[in-house]
Structure formats: structure tokens, C-alpha cells
Amino acid sequence: MGLRKSVNMSLFAMSLSDLIGLTFQIWHNFCQNPYLENTDIPVDFMTVQILTAGCPTVAMSRITCWITMYITAERCLSVLVPFKVQRILTFRRTLIILILIYSINLSFFLPIYAADYLSCKYFPSQNMTKISMYRWDNIATIGVLLDMSHLTLSVIAFVFVVVFTATLVASLKKNSKWRATVTFSKYQNEAQPRRENKTVGMVVMVATVLIVCYTPGVTCSIIGTVSPEFNLLAQQENLFNVIWSFCFLFHSINSSLNVIVYYKKSSKYRNTFHELFPACKH
């Protein structure tokens, strides 16, 4: 489909973050396997996964949320100011915004990688030396900073997706009623709302999937900020791991459903998909 259009570049960037996030999620699922504790592998998977799987997965899922917010805002502007949107959101500006989305979200994880590191650790109960995670003394301050940044960035993207989607739906319905009163052609009266309904359906479906799948993660971020004991390596560690395992599951579902949504709702995407995979056409 090409990357010269801003919307295609946004979808490509979101697909890239989904793919990277799902790849790290596979490694995260492997590390969470409880049977690994009974093996002789010299790796403490439960702590190693924090730096090598958990944080990268959360970062990619948050990037996906921000890119979805940008796509929704772009669609909203295309309805509110249809003749100016191409001048406002050019390909170059879209590329810069996407690079900033990746850079800002990833930069907030730099403190934890500066405070945590992997090294060999002796486990007396197992009489083994394993690769585990070590933390410096300032981890409490860094943990608060990480929780606050995760909460702030997640809530901002979450709220704006809802606002942009509601504005888009209301504007499209208003424009549809206006065209019905000024257009005398029966074909135009039927064809235009049909195209608008497809746009509304696609955006609403993407926003709905995002809201449903990201609500548990945002809720856990709020709880973790309010209650410090609800955290990894804290008093509520077991409850934290159980709840966040479902959050990761919902994040994976959101990343996996996007291809189905656009296949069902975008005719251009579907036609290009059939050109690449003719066997799936029938």
C-alpha cells in the first residue's frame, strides 16, 4: 500500500510496535513458566524477565496506545477540517510525531535500566549460582518515577482516544444529517452515509478494542501509584503478578486483533492483502 501517506505510516508504526511487543510477550510467557524453577538452568527467570520481557512489552503496548490516539486524532481532523488536514498533518510531520512517540515512551524506561542490572547471584536454597537482577539503592525513587510516568502517559492516551472518537462520531452524524437535507439525489443520500458508516465503524471498533484491552492496565497503574505495596518485589507481589498477567493477555489481544479489524473494515487493506495472498481470497 506504500508509506507515502501519513495514515499508512501511522498504521505501519503501530504494526511494528505490536509485532515487537508480541515478540517480547512470547519470551515473557516462557519466563513465567513455573516448571523452570525445577530445572538446572542457571537463570532466575522470574527476575530476569523484568528487564528482558516485562518492561519492553509494556513500552510497546503504550506506544501502540499513543499511535492509536494519533490515528484517531487524524481521522477526527479529517472530518472537522477536511480541506486543511493534508496541510496540517503532512507525511513529514507524521513521521516526526511517530519518532517522538517512540522516543518519549522509551526514554521513561531508561531510569530503570540504569538502576537495575543482571549479574550472578547465589541461591542458598538451591545451592546454585544464577543470573539474576540486582538493584541499586535509589530504586525506590526510580520506582515512583516509573509508576507516575506510566500512569500519566497511559491515562493521557486513554482519555484522548475516547474524546477524539466521541467527537468523530458526533461530527460524522451531524454531517450526515446535513447532507441528507441539501442533497436531492437518492444515490448520493444512500452512498455517502454508507461510506461514513464504514469509517465510523472502523474507528469505533479500534477505539472499543483499545478501551477494553487497556482498562485493566490503566487500573493497575492507578492502584500501584496509590498503594506502594501493590508492586513487584513488594508485599503484594503475588497479586501483582496474577493481575498483570491478565493485563499482558489483554495487551496481546489488542495487538493481535488490529489486523482483523482493518481487514474487515478497510477495502484497500483487504484488496492489497488478497493481492499478496491470493489463496485467502476464496
C-alpha atoms as a PDB file:
ATOM      1  CA  MET A   1       0.000   0.000   0.000  1.00  0.00           C
ATOM      2  CA  GLY A   2       3.049   2.265   0.292  1.00  0.00           C
ATOM      3  CA  LEU A   3       4.250   4.512   3.105  1.00  0.00           C
ATOM      4  CA  ARG A   4       3.948   7.907   1.435  1.00  0.00           C
ATOM      5  CA  LYS A   5       0.553   8.550   3.028  1.00  0.00           C
ATOM      6  CA  SER A   6       0.574   9.690   6.633  1.00  0.00           C
ATOM      7  CA  VAL A   7      -2.145   7.238   7.682  1.00  0.00           C
ATOM      8  CA  ASN A   8      -0.217   4.316   6.174  1.00  0.00           C
ATOM      9  CA  MET A   9       2.921   5.396   8.020  1.00  0.00           C
ATOM     10  CA  SER A  10       0.950   5.540  11.281  1.00  0.00           C
ATOM     11  CA  LEU A  11      -0.507   2.075  10.732  1.00  0.00           C
ATOM     12  CA  PHE A  12       2.940   0.714   9.863  1.00  0.00           C
ATOM     13  CA  ALA A  13       4.425   2.208  13.053  1.00  0.00           C
ATOM     14  CA  MET A  14       1.607   0.698  15.099  1.00  0.00           C
ATOM     15  CA  SER A  15       2.060  -2.694  13.424  1.00  0.00           C
ATOM     16  CA  LEU A  16       5.767  -2.523  14.223  1.00  0.00           C
ATOM     17  CA  SER A  17       5.134  -1.816  17.908  1.00  0.00           C
ATOM     18  CA  ASP A  18       2.534  -4.616  18.012  1.00  0.00           C
ATOM     19  CA  LEU A  19       4.968  -7.077  16.425  1.00  0.00           C
ATOM     20  CA  ILE A  20       7.828  -6.155  18.771  1.00  0.00           C
ATOM     21  CA  GLY A  21       5.517  -6.266  21.784  1.00  0.00           C
ATOM     22  CA  LEU A  22       4.150  -9.695  20.888  1.00  0.00           C
ATOM     23  CA  THR A  23       7.687 -10.998  20.323  1.00  0.00           C
ATOM     24  CA  PHE A  24       8.743  -9.893  23.798  1.00  0.00           C
ATOM     25  CA  GLN A  25       5.490 -11.331  25.150  1.00  0.00           C
ATOM     26  CA  ILE A  26       6.459 -14.790  23.886  1.00  0.00           C
ATOM     27  CA  TRP A  27       9.705 -14.573  25.876  1.00  0.00           C
ATOM     28  CA  HIS A  28       7.755 -13.207  28.859  1.00  0.00           C
ATOM     29  CA  ASN A  29       5.378 -16.175  28.779  1.00  0.00           C
ATOM     30  CA  PHE A  30       8.356 -18.550  28.674  1.00  0.00           C
ATOM     31  CA  CYS A  31       9.976 -16.885  31.690  1.00  0.00           C
ATOM     32  CA  GLN A  32       6.729 -17.120  33.684  1.00  0.00           C
ATOM     33  CA  ASN A  33       6.616 -20.913  33.329  1.00  0.00           C
ATOM     34  CA  PRO A  34       6.682 -22.247  36.927  1.00  0.00           C
ATOM     35  CA  TYR A  35       8.323 -25.522  35.865  1.00  0.00           C
ATOM     36  CA  LEU A  36      11.528 -23.646  35.042  1.00  0.00           C
ATOM     37  CA  GLU A  37      12.276 -23.414  38.774  1.00  0.00           C
ATOM     38  CA  ASN A  38      12.757 -27.216  38.840  1.00  0.00           C
ATOM     39  CA  THR A  39      15.359 -27.192  36.079  1.00  0.00           C
ATOM     40  CA  ASP A  40      19.119 -26.784  36.348  1.00  0.00           C
ATOM     41  CA  ILE A  41      19.222 -23.751  34.059  1.00  0.00           C
ATOM     42  CA  PRO A  42      21.391 -21.101  35.810  1.00  0.00           C
ATOM     43  CA  VAL A  43      18.909 -18.291  35.233  1.00  0.00           C
ATOM     44  CA  ASP A  44      16.412 -16.750  37.657  1.00  0.00           C
ATOM     45  CA  PHE A  45      13.706 -16.265  35.053  1.00  0.00           C
ATOM     46  CA  MET A  46      11.236 -14.533  37.384  1.00  0.00           C
ATOM     47  CA  THR A  47      13.577 -11.561  37.875  1.00  0.00           C
ATOM     48  CA  VAL A  48      15.334 -11.673  34.510  1.00  0.00           C
ATOM     49  CA  GLN A  49      12.007 -11.246  32.741  1.00  0.00           C
ATOM     50  CA  ILE A  50      11.536  -7.783  34.275  1.00  0.00           C
ATOM     51  CA  LEU A  51      14.284  -6.226  32.154  1.00  0.00           C
ATOM     52  CA  THR A  52      14.230  -8.575  29.179  1.00  0.00           C
ATOM     53  CA  ALA A  53      10.476  -9.056  28.719  1.00  0.00           C
ATOM     54  CA  GLY A  54       8.148  -7.171  31.067  1.00  0.00           C
ATOM     55  CA  CYS A  55       9.385  -3.600  30.560  1.00  0.00           C
ATOM     56  CA  PRO A  56       9.795  -3.906  26.759  1.00  0.00           C
ATOM     57  CA  THR A  57       6.294  -5.356  26.447  1.00  0.00           C
ATOM     58  CA  VAL A  58       4.757  -2.535  28.495  1.00  0.00           C
ATOM     59  CA  ALA A  59       6.705   0.042  26.479  1.00  0.00           C
ATOM     60  CA  MET A  60       5.497  -1.341  23.153  1.00  0.00           C
ATOM     61  CA  SER A  61       1.886  -1.600  24.324  1.00  0.00           C
ATOM     62  CA  ARG A  62       1.986   2.022  25.482  1.00  0.00           C
ATOM     63  CA  ILE A  63       3.453   3.103  22.145  1.00  0.00           C
ATOM     64  CA  THR A  64       0.601   1.295  20.396  1.00  0.00           C
ATOM     65  CA  CYS A  65      -1.854   3.205  22.583  1.00  0.00           C
ATOM     66  CA  TRP A  66      -0.273   6.558  21.685  1.00  0.00           C
ATOM     67  CA  ILE A  67      -0.188   5.776  17.966  1.00  0.00           C
ATOM     68  CA  THR A  68      -3.845   4.765  18.142  1.00  0.00           C
ATOM     69  CA  MET A  69      -4.540   8.118  19.775  1.00  0.00           C
ATOM     70  CA  TYR A  70      -2.736   9.895  16.917  1.00  0.00           C
ATOM     71  CA  ILE A  71      -4.624   7.910  14.248  1.00  0.00           C
ATOM     72  CA  THR A  72      -7.926   8.724  15.940  1.00  0.00           C
ATOM     73  CA  ALA A  73      -6.981  12.412  16.116  1.00  0.00           C
ATOM     74  CA  GLU A  74      -6.052  12.361  12.422  1.00  0.00           C
ATOM     75  CA  ARG A  75      -9.405  10.837  11.491  1.00  0.00           C
ATOM     76  CA  CYS A  76     -11.149  13.381  13.698  1.00  0.00           C
ATOM     77  CA  LEU A  77      -9.394  16.285  11.937  1.00  0.00           C
ATOM     78  CA  SER A  78     -10.267  14.842   8.532  1.00  0.00           C
ATOM     79  CA  VAL A  79     -13.933  15.321   9.434  1.00  0.00           C
ATOM     80  CA  LEU A  80     -13.690  18.631  11.269  1.00  0.00           C
ATOM     81  CA  VAL A  81     -11.339  20.354   8.769  1.00  0.00           C
ATOM     82  CA  PRO A  82     -11.332  18.119   5.671  1.00  0.00           C
ATOM     83  CA  PHE A  83      -9.680  20.709   3.397  1.00  0.00           C
ATOM     84  CA  LYS A  84      -6.853  21.539   5.814  1.00  0.00           C
ATOM     85  CA  VAL A  85      -5.938  18.167   7.280  1.00  0.00           C
ATOM     86  CA  GLN A  86      -3.458  17.320   4.500  1.00  0.00           C
ATOM     87  CA  ARG A  87      -1.638  20.595   5.089  1.00  0.00           C
ATOM     88  CA  ILE A  88      -1.699  20.182   8.878  1.00  0.00           C
ATOM     89  CA  LEU A  89      -0.666  16.513   9.104  1.00  0.00           C
ATOM     90  CA  THR A  90       1.837  16.092   6.300  1.00  0.00           C
ATOM     91  CA  PHE A  91       3.891  12.953   5.803  1.00  0.00           C
ATOM     92  CA  ARG A  92       6.988  14.610   7.273  1.00  0.00           C
ATOM     93  CA  ARG A  93       5.158  15.865  10.364  1.00  0.00           C
ATOM     94  CA  THR A  94       3.572  12.460  10.875  1.00  0.00           C
ATOM     95  CA  LEU A  95       6.982  10.820  10.689  1.00  0.00           C
ATOM     96  CA  ILE A  96       8.382  13.271  13.260  1.00  0.00           C
ATOM     97  CA  ILE A  97       5.402  12.718  15.588  1.00  0.00           C
ATOM     98  CA  LEU A  98       5.790   8.935  15.372  1.00  0.00           C
ATOM     99  CA  ILE A  99       9.511   9.175  16.133  1.00  0.00           C
ATOM    100  CA  LEU A 100       8.691  11.382  19.138  1.00  0.00           C
ATOM    101  CA  ILE A 101       6.075   8.882  20.348  1.00  0.00           C
ATOM    102  CA  TYR A 102       8.640   6.095  20.274  1.00  0.00           C
ATOM    103  CA  SER A 103      11.392   8.241  21.814  1.00  0.00           C
ATOM    104  CA  ILE A 104       9.336   9.721  24.667  1.00  0.00           C
ATOM    105  CA  ASN A 105       7.806   6.429  25.737  1.00  0.00           C
ATOM    106  CA  LEU A 106      11.111   4.568  25.601  1.00  0.00           C
ATOM    107  CA  SER A 107      13.007   7.327  27.418  1.00  0.00           C
ATOM    108  CA  PHE A 108      10.887   6.873  30.553  1.00  0.00           C
ATOM    109  CA  PHE A 109      12.268   3.341  30.890  1.00  0.00           C
ATOM    110  CA  LEU A 110      15.899   4.488  30.872  1.00  0.00           C
ATOM    111  CA  PRO A 111      15.999   5.098  34.673  1.00  0.00           C
ATOM    112  CA  ILE A 112      15.010   1.538  35.497  1.00  0.00           C
ATOM    113  CA  TYR A 113      17.676   0.158  33.172  1.00  0.00           C
ATOM    114  CA  ALA A 114      20.165   2.484  34.830  1.00  0.00           C
ATOM    115  CA  ALA A 115      19.129   1.280  38.300  1.00  0.00           C
ATOM    116  CA  ASP A 116      18.731  -2.439  37.550  1.00  0.00           C
ATOM    117  CA  TYR A 117      21.249  -4.795  36.039  1.00  0.00           C
ATOM    118  CA  LEU A 118      21.800  -8.523  35.509  1.00  0.00           C
ATOM    119  CA  SER A 119      24.533 -10.342  37.389  1.00  0.00           C
ATOM    120  CA  CYS A 120      25.328 -13.668  39.026  1.00  0.00           C
ATOM    121  CA  LYS A 121      23.656 -14.352  42.376  1.00  0.00           C
ATOM    122  CA  TYR A 122      23.988 -17.277  44.756  1.00  0.00           C
ATOM    123  CA  PHE A 123      20.770 -19.025  45.905  1.00  0.00           C
ATOM    124  CA  PRO A 124      21.451 -20.995  49.121  1.00  0.00           C
ATOM    125  CA  SER A 125      18.133 -22.880  48.980  1.00  0.00           C
ATOM    126  CA  GLN A 126      19.088 -24.386  45.625  1.00  0.00           C
ATOM    127  CA  ASN A 127      22.868 -24.316  46.134  1.00  0.00           C
ATOM    128  CA  MET A 128      23.233 -22.691  42.721  1.00  0.00           C
ATOM    129  CA  THR A 129      24.548 -19.515  41.215  1.00  0.00           C
ATOM    130  CA  LYS A 130      22.119 -17.991  38.735  1.00  0.00           C
ATOM    131  CA  ILE A 131      21.868 -14.929  36.565  1.00  0.00           C
ATOM    132  CA  SER A 132      19.501 -12.643  38.421  1.00  0.00           C
ATOM    133  CA  MET A 133      18.554  -8.989  38.694  1.00  0.00           C
ATOM    134  CA  TYR A 134      20.281  -6.580  41.063  1.00  0.00           C
ATOM    135  CA  ARG A 135      19.044  -3.162  42.101  1.00  0.00           C
ATOM    136  CA  TRP A 136      20.849  -0.060  43.318  1.00  0.00           C
ATOM    137  CA  ASP A 137      19.864   1.793  46.498  1.00  0.00           C
ATOM    138  CA  ASN A 138      17.869   4.509  44.695  1.00  0.00           C
ATOM    139  CA  ILE A 139      15.376   2.061  43.250  1.00  0.00           C
ATOM    140  CA  ALA A 140      12.520   3.416  45.431  1.00  0.00           C
ATOM    141  CA  THR A 141      12.733   6.863  43.855  1.00  0.00           C
ATOM    142  CA  ILE A 142      13.089   5.394  40.387  1.00  0.00           C
ATOM    143  CA  GLY A 143      10.125   3.087  41.007  1.00  0.00           C
ATOM    144  CA  VAL A 144       7.900   6.032  41.946  1.00  0.00           C
ATOM    145  CA  LEU A 145       9.058   7.930  38.849  1.00  0.00           C
ATOM    146  CA  LEU A 146       8.370   4.936  36.626  1.00  0.00           C
ATOM    147  CA  ASP A 147       4.908   4.356  38.101  1.00  0.00           C
ATOM    148  CA  MET A 148       3.935   8.012  37.759  1.00  0.00           C
ATOM    149  CA  SER A 149       5.189   8.243  34.179  1.00  0.00           C
ATOM    150  CA  HIS A 150       3.427   5.021  33.210  1.00  0.00           C
ATOM    151  CA  LEU A 151       0.192   6.203  34.824  1.00  0.00           C
ATOM    152  CA  THR A 152       0.373   9.668  33.250  1.00  0.00           C
ATOM    153  CA  LEU A 153       1.232   8.537  29.723  1.00  0.00           C
ATOM    154  CA  SER A 154      -1.297   5.701  29.776  1.00  0.00           C
ATOM    155  CA  VAL A 155      -4.165   7.825  31.099  1.00  0.00           C
ATOM    156  CA  ILE A 156      -3.449  10.687  28.665  1.00  0.00           C
ATOM    157  CA  ALA A 157      -3.586   8.399  25.629  1.00  0.00           C
ATOM    158  CA  PHE A 158      -6.577   6.509  27.014  1.00  0.00           C
ATOM    159  CA  VAL A 159      -8.649   9.641  27.648  1.00  0.00           C
ATOM    160  CA  PHE A 160      -7.828  11.323  24.348  1.00  0.00           C
ATOM    161  CA  VAL A 161      -8.775   8.224  22.349  1.00  0.00           C
ATOM    162  CA  VAL A 162     -12.218   8.346  23.950  1.00  0.00           C
ATOM    163  CA  VAL A 163     -12.553  12.105  23.377  1.00  0.00           C
ATOM    164  CA  PHE A 164     -11.406  12.001  19.737  1.00  0.00           C
ATOM    165  CA  THR A 165     -13.622   9.040  18.953  1.00  0.00           C
ATOM    166  CA  ALA A 166     -16.695  10.648  20.508  1.00  0.00           C
ATOM    167  CA  THR A 167     -16.004  13.879  18.593  1.00  0.00           C
ATOM    168  CA  LEU A 168     -15.551  11.969  15.355  1.00  0.00           C
ATOM    169  CA  VAL A 169     -18.795  10.026  15.716  1.00  0.00           C
ATOM    170  CA  ALA A 170     -20.777  13.144  16.629  1.00  0.00           C
ATOM    171  CA  SER A 171     -19.318  15.132  13.713  1.00  0.00           C
ATOM    172  CA  LEU A 172     -19.997  12.389  11.176  1.00  0.00           C
ATOM    173  CA  LYS A 173     -23.593  12.033  12.314  1.00  0.00           C
ATOM    174  CA  LYS A 174     -24.079  15.787  12.128  1.00  0.00           C
ATOM    175  CA  ASN A 175     -22.598  15.954   8.623  1.00  0.00           C
ATOM    176  CA  SER A 176     -24.711  13.005   7.511  1.00  0.00           C
ATOM    177  CA  LYS A 177     -27.930  14.744   8.585  1.00  0.00           C
ATOM    178  CA  TRP A 178     -26.836  17.966   6.887  1.00  0.00           C
ATOM    179  CA  ARG A 179     -26.116  16.219   3.575  1.00  0.00           C
ATOM    180  CA  ALA A 180     -29.486  14.493   3.725  1.00  0.00           C
ATOM    181  CA  THR A 181     -31.237  17.878   3.822  1.00  0.00           C
ATOM    182  CA  VAL A 182     -29.263  19.538   0.980  1.00  0.00           C
ATOM    183  CA  THR A 183     -28.754  16.582  -1.403  1.00  0.00           C
ATOM    184  CA  PHE A 184     -31.594  15.692  -3.760  1.00  0.00           C
ATOM    185  CA  SER A 185     -30.020  12.637  -5.348  1.00  0.00           C
ATOM    186  CA  LYS A 186     -31.236   9.401  -3.836  1.00  0.00           C
ATOM    187  CA  TYR A 187     -27.983   7.654  -4.785  1.00  0.00           C
ATOM    188  CA  GLN A 188     -25.862  10.281  -3.051  1.00  0.00           C
ATOM    189  CA  ASN A 189     -28.101  10.158   0.021  1.00  0.00           C
ATOM    190  CA  GLU A 190     -27.503   6.406   0.312  1.00  0.00           C
ATOM    191  CA  ALA A 191     -23.872   6.157  -0.840  1.00  0.00           C
ATOM    192  CA  GLN A 192     -22.383   8.889   1.326  1.00  0.00           C
ATOM    193  CA  PRO A 193     -23.802   7.669   4.669  1.00  0.00           C
ATOM    194  CA  ARG A 194     -22.660   4.153   3.757  1.00  0.00           C
ATOM    195  CA  ARG A 195     -19.059   5.327   3.386  1.00  0.00           C
ATOM    196  CA  GLU A 196     -19.337   7.360   6.572  1.00  0.00           C
ATOM    197  CA  ASN A 197     -20.742   4.399   8.487  1.00  0.00           C
ATOM    198  CA  LYS A 198     -17.740   2.308   7.439  1.00  0.00           C
ATOM    199  CA  THR A 199     -15.386   4.979   8.737  1.00  0.00           C
ATOM    200  CA  VAL A 200     -17.337   5.305  11.989  1.00  0.00           C
ATOM    201  CA  GLY A 201     -17.468   1.530  12.386  1.00  0.00           C
ATOM    202  CA  MET A 202     -13.725   1.093  11.903  1.00  0.00           C
ATOM    203  CA  VAL A 203     -12.729   3.902  14.271  1.00  0.00           C
ATOM    204  CA  VAL A 204     -15.280   2.910  16.922  1.00  0.00           C
ATOM    205  CA  MET A 205     -14.181  -0.727  16.738  1.00  0.00           C
ATOM    206  CA  VAL A 206     -10.497   0.166  17.078  1.00  0.00           C
ATOM    207  CA  ALA A 207     -11.271   2.514  19.981  1.00  0.00           C
ATOM    208  CA  THR A 208     -13.523  -0.038  21.672  1.00  0.00           C
ATOM    209  CA  VAL A 209     -10.906  -2.783  21.457  1.00  0.00           C
ATOM    210  CA  LEU A 210      -8.308  -0.372  22.832  1.00  0.00           C
ATOM    211  CA  ILE A 211     -10.531   0.780  25.713  1.00  0.00           C
ATOM    212  CA  VAL A 212     -11.476  -2.765  26.706  1.00  0.00           C
ATOM    213  CA  CYS A 213      -7.942  -4.141  26.474  1.00  0.00           C
ATOM    214  CA  TYR A 214      -6.174  -1.220  28.165  1.00  0.00           C
ATOM    215  CA  THR A 215      -8.622  -0.617  31.021  1.00  0.00           C
ATOM    216  CA  PRO A 216      -7.069  -3.340  33.254  1.00  0.00           C
ATOM    217  CA  GLY A 217      -3.537  -1.995  32.685  1.00  0.00           C
ATOM    218  CA  VAL A 218      -4.535   1.602  33.404  1.00  0.00           C
ATOM    219  CA  THR A 219      -6.411   0.476  36.514  1.00  0.00           C
ATOM    220  CA  CYS A 220      -3.369  -1.442  37.781  1.00  0.00           C
ATOM    221  CA  SER A 221      -1.189   1.607  37.179  1.00  0.00           C
ATOM    222  CA  ILE A 222      -3.523   3.720  39.316  1.00  0.00           C
ATOM    223  CA  ILE A 223      -3.592   1.106  42.089  1.00  0.00           C
ATOM    224  CA  GLY A 224       0.206   0.770  42.010  1.00  0.00           C
ATOM    225  CA  THR A 225       0.620   4.519  42.406  1.00  0.00           C
ATOM    226  CA  VAL A 226      -1.856   4.762  45.285  1.00  0.00           C
ATOM    227  CA  SER A 227      -0.726   1.570  47.055  1.00  0.00           C
ATOM    228  CA  PRO A 228       3.082   1.064  47.020  1.00  0.00           C
ATOM    229  CA  GLU A 229       2.683  -2.485  48.355  1.00  0.00           C
ATOM    230  CA  PHE A 230       0.931  -3.476  45.132  1.00  0.00           C
ATOM    231  CA  ASN A 231       4.155  -3.774  43.175  1.00  0.00           C
ATOM    232  CA  LEU A 232       6.761  -6.206  42.002  1.00  0.00           C
ATOM    233  CA  LEU A 233       9.122  -7.394  44.768  1.00  0.00           C
ATOM    234  CA  ALA A 234       6.767  -5.859  47.364  1.00  0.00           C
ATOM    235  CA  GLN A 235       4.247  -7.270  49.867  1.00  0.00           C
ATOM    236  CA  GLN A 236       1.526  -7.813  47.241  1.00  0.00           C
ATOM    237  CA  GLU A 237       3.923  -9.366  44.727  1.00  0.00           C
ATOM    238  CA  ASN A 238       1.830 -12.484  44.051  1.00  0.00           C
ATOM    239  CA  LEU A 239      -1.363 -10.500  43.490  1.00  0.00           C
ATOM    240  CA  PHE A 240       0.589  -8.066  41.303  1.00  0.00           C
ATOM    241  CA  ASN A 241       1.894 -10.892  39.095  1.00  0.00           C
ATOM    242  CA  VAL A 242      -1.514 -12.518  38.735  1.00  0.00           C
ATOM    243  CA  ILE A 243      -3.368  -9.329  37.780  1.00  0.00           C
ATOM    244  CA  TRP A 244      -0.658  -8.093  35.437  1.00  0.00           C
ATOM    245  CA  SER A 245      -0.614 -11.479  33.695  1.00  0.00           C
ATOM    246  CA  PHE A 246      -4.188 -10.754  32.603  1.00  0.00           C
ATOM    247  CA  CYS A 247      -3.171  -7.220  31.610  1.00  0.00           C
ATOM    248  CA  PHE A 248      -0.465  -8.644  29.358  1.00  0.00           C
ATOM    249  CA  LEU A 249      -3.041 -11.026  27.913  1.00  0.00           C
ATOM    250  CA  PHE A 250      -5.361  -8.135  27.026  1.00  0.00           C
ATOM    251  CA  HIS A 251      -2.437  -6.206  25.514  1.00  0.00           C
ATOM    252  CA  SER A 252      -1.624  -9.211  23.334  1.00  0.00           C
ATOM    253  CA  ILE A 253      -5.256  -9.494  22.250  1.00  0.00           C
ATOM    254  CA  ASN A 254      -5.309  -5.826  21.250  1.00  0.00           C
ATOM    255  CA  SER A 255      -2.104  -6.198  19.218  1.00  0.00           C
ATOM    256  CA  SER A 256      -3.431  -9.324  17.513  1.00  0.00           C
ATOM    257  CA  LEU A 257      -6.899  -8.007  16.638  1.00  0.00           C
ATOM    258  CA  ASN A 258      -5.797  -4.922  14.670  1.00  0.00           C
ATOM    259  CA  VAL A 259      -5.086  -6.912  11.518  1.00  0.00           C
ATOM    260  CA  ILE A 260      -8.579  -8.438  11.669  1.00  0.00           C
ATOM    261  CA  VAL A 261     -10.247  -5.058  12.245  1.00  0.00           C
ATOM    262  CA  TYR A 262      -8.603  -3.421   9.252  1.00  0.00           C
ATOM    263  CA  TYR A 263      -9.178  -6.467   7.060  1.00  0.00           C
ATOM    264  CA  LYS A 264     -12.895  -6.336   7.811  1.00  0.00           C
ATOM    265  CA  LYS A 265     -13.337  -2.556   7.678  1.00  0.00           C
ATOM    266  CA  SER A 266     -10.808  -1.325   5.068  1.00  0.00           C
ATOM    267  CA  SER A 267     -11.437  -2.294   1.444  1.00  0.00           C
ATOM    268  CA  LYS A 268      -7.982  -1.035   0.357  1.00  0.00           C
ATOM    269  CA  TYR A 269      -6.286  -3.141   3.007  1.00  0.00           C
ATOM    270  CA  ARG A 270      -8.380  -6.176   2.043  1.00  0.00           C
ATOM    271  CA  ASN A 271      -7.644  -5.801  -1.692  1.00  0.00           C
ATOM    272  CA  THR A 272      -3.906  -5.435  -1.060  1.00  0.00           C
ATOM    273  CA  PHE A 273      -3.984  -8.448   1.259  1.00  0.00           C
ATOM    274  CA  HIS A 274      -5.679 -10.517  -1.458  1.00  0.00           C
ATOM    275  CA  GLU A 275      -3.061  -9.420  -3.998  1.00  0.00           C
ATOM    276  CA  LEU A 276      -0.283 -10.615  -1.704  1.00  0.00           C
ATOM    277  CA  PHE A 277      -2.106 -13.805  -0.648  1.00  0.00           C
ATOM    278  CA  PRO A 278      -4.441 -14.885  -3.478  1.00  0.00           C
ATOM    279  CA  ALA A 279      -5.241 -18.172  -1.723  1.00  0.00           C
ATOM    280  CA  CYS A 280      -7.063 -16.267   1.046  1.00  0.00           C
ATOM    281  CA  LYS A 281      -9.436 -14.600  -1.401  1.00  0.00           C
ATOM    282  CA  HIS A 282     -11.814 -17.520  -1.695  1.00  0.00           C
END
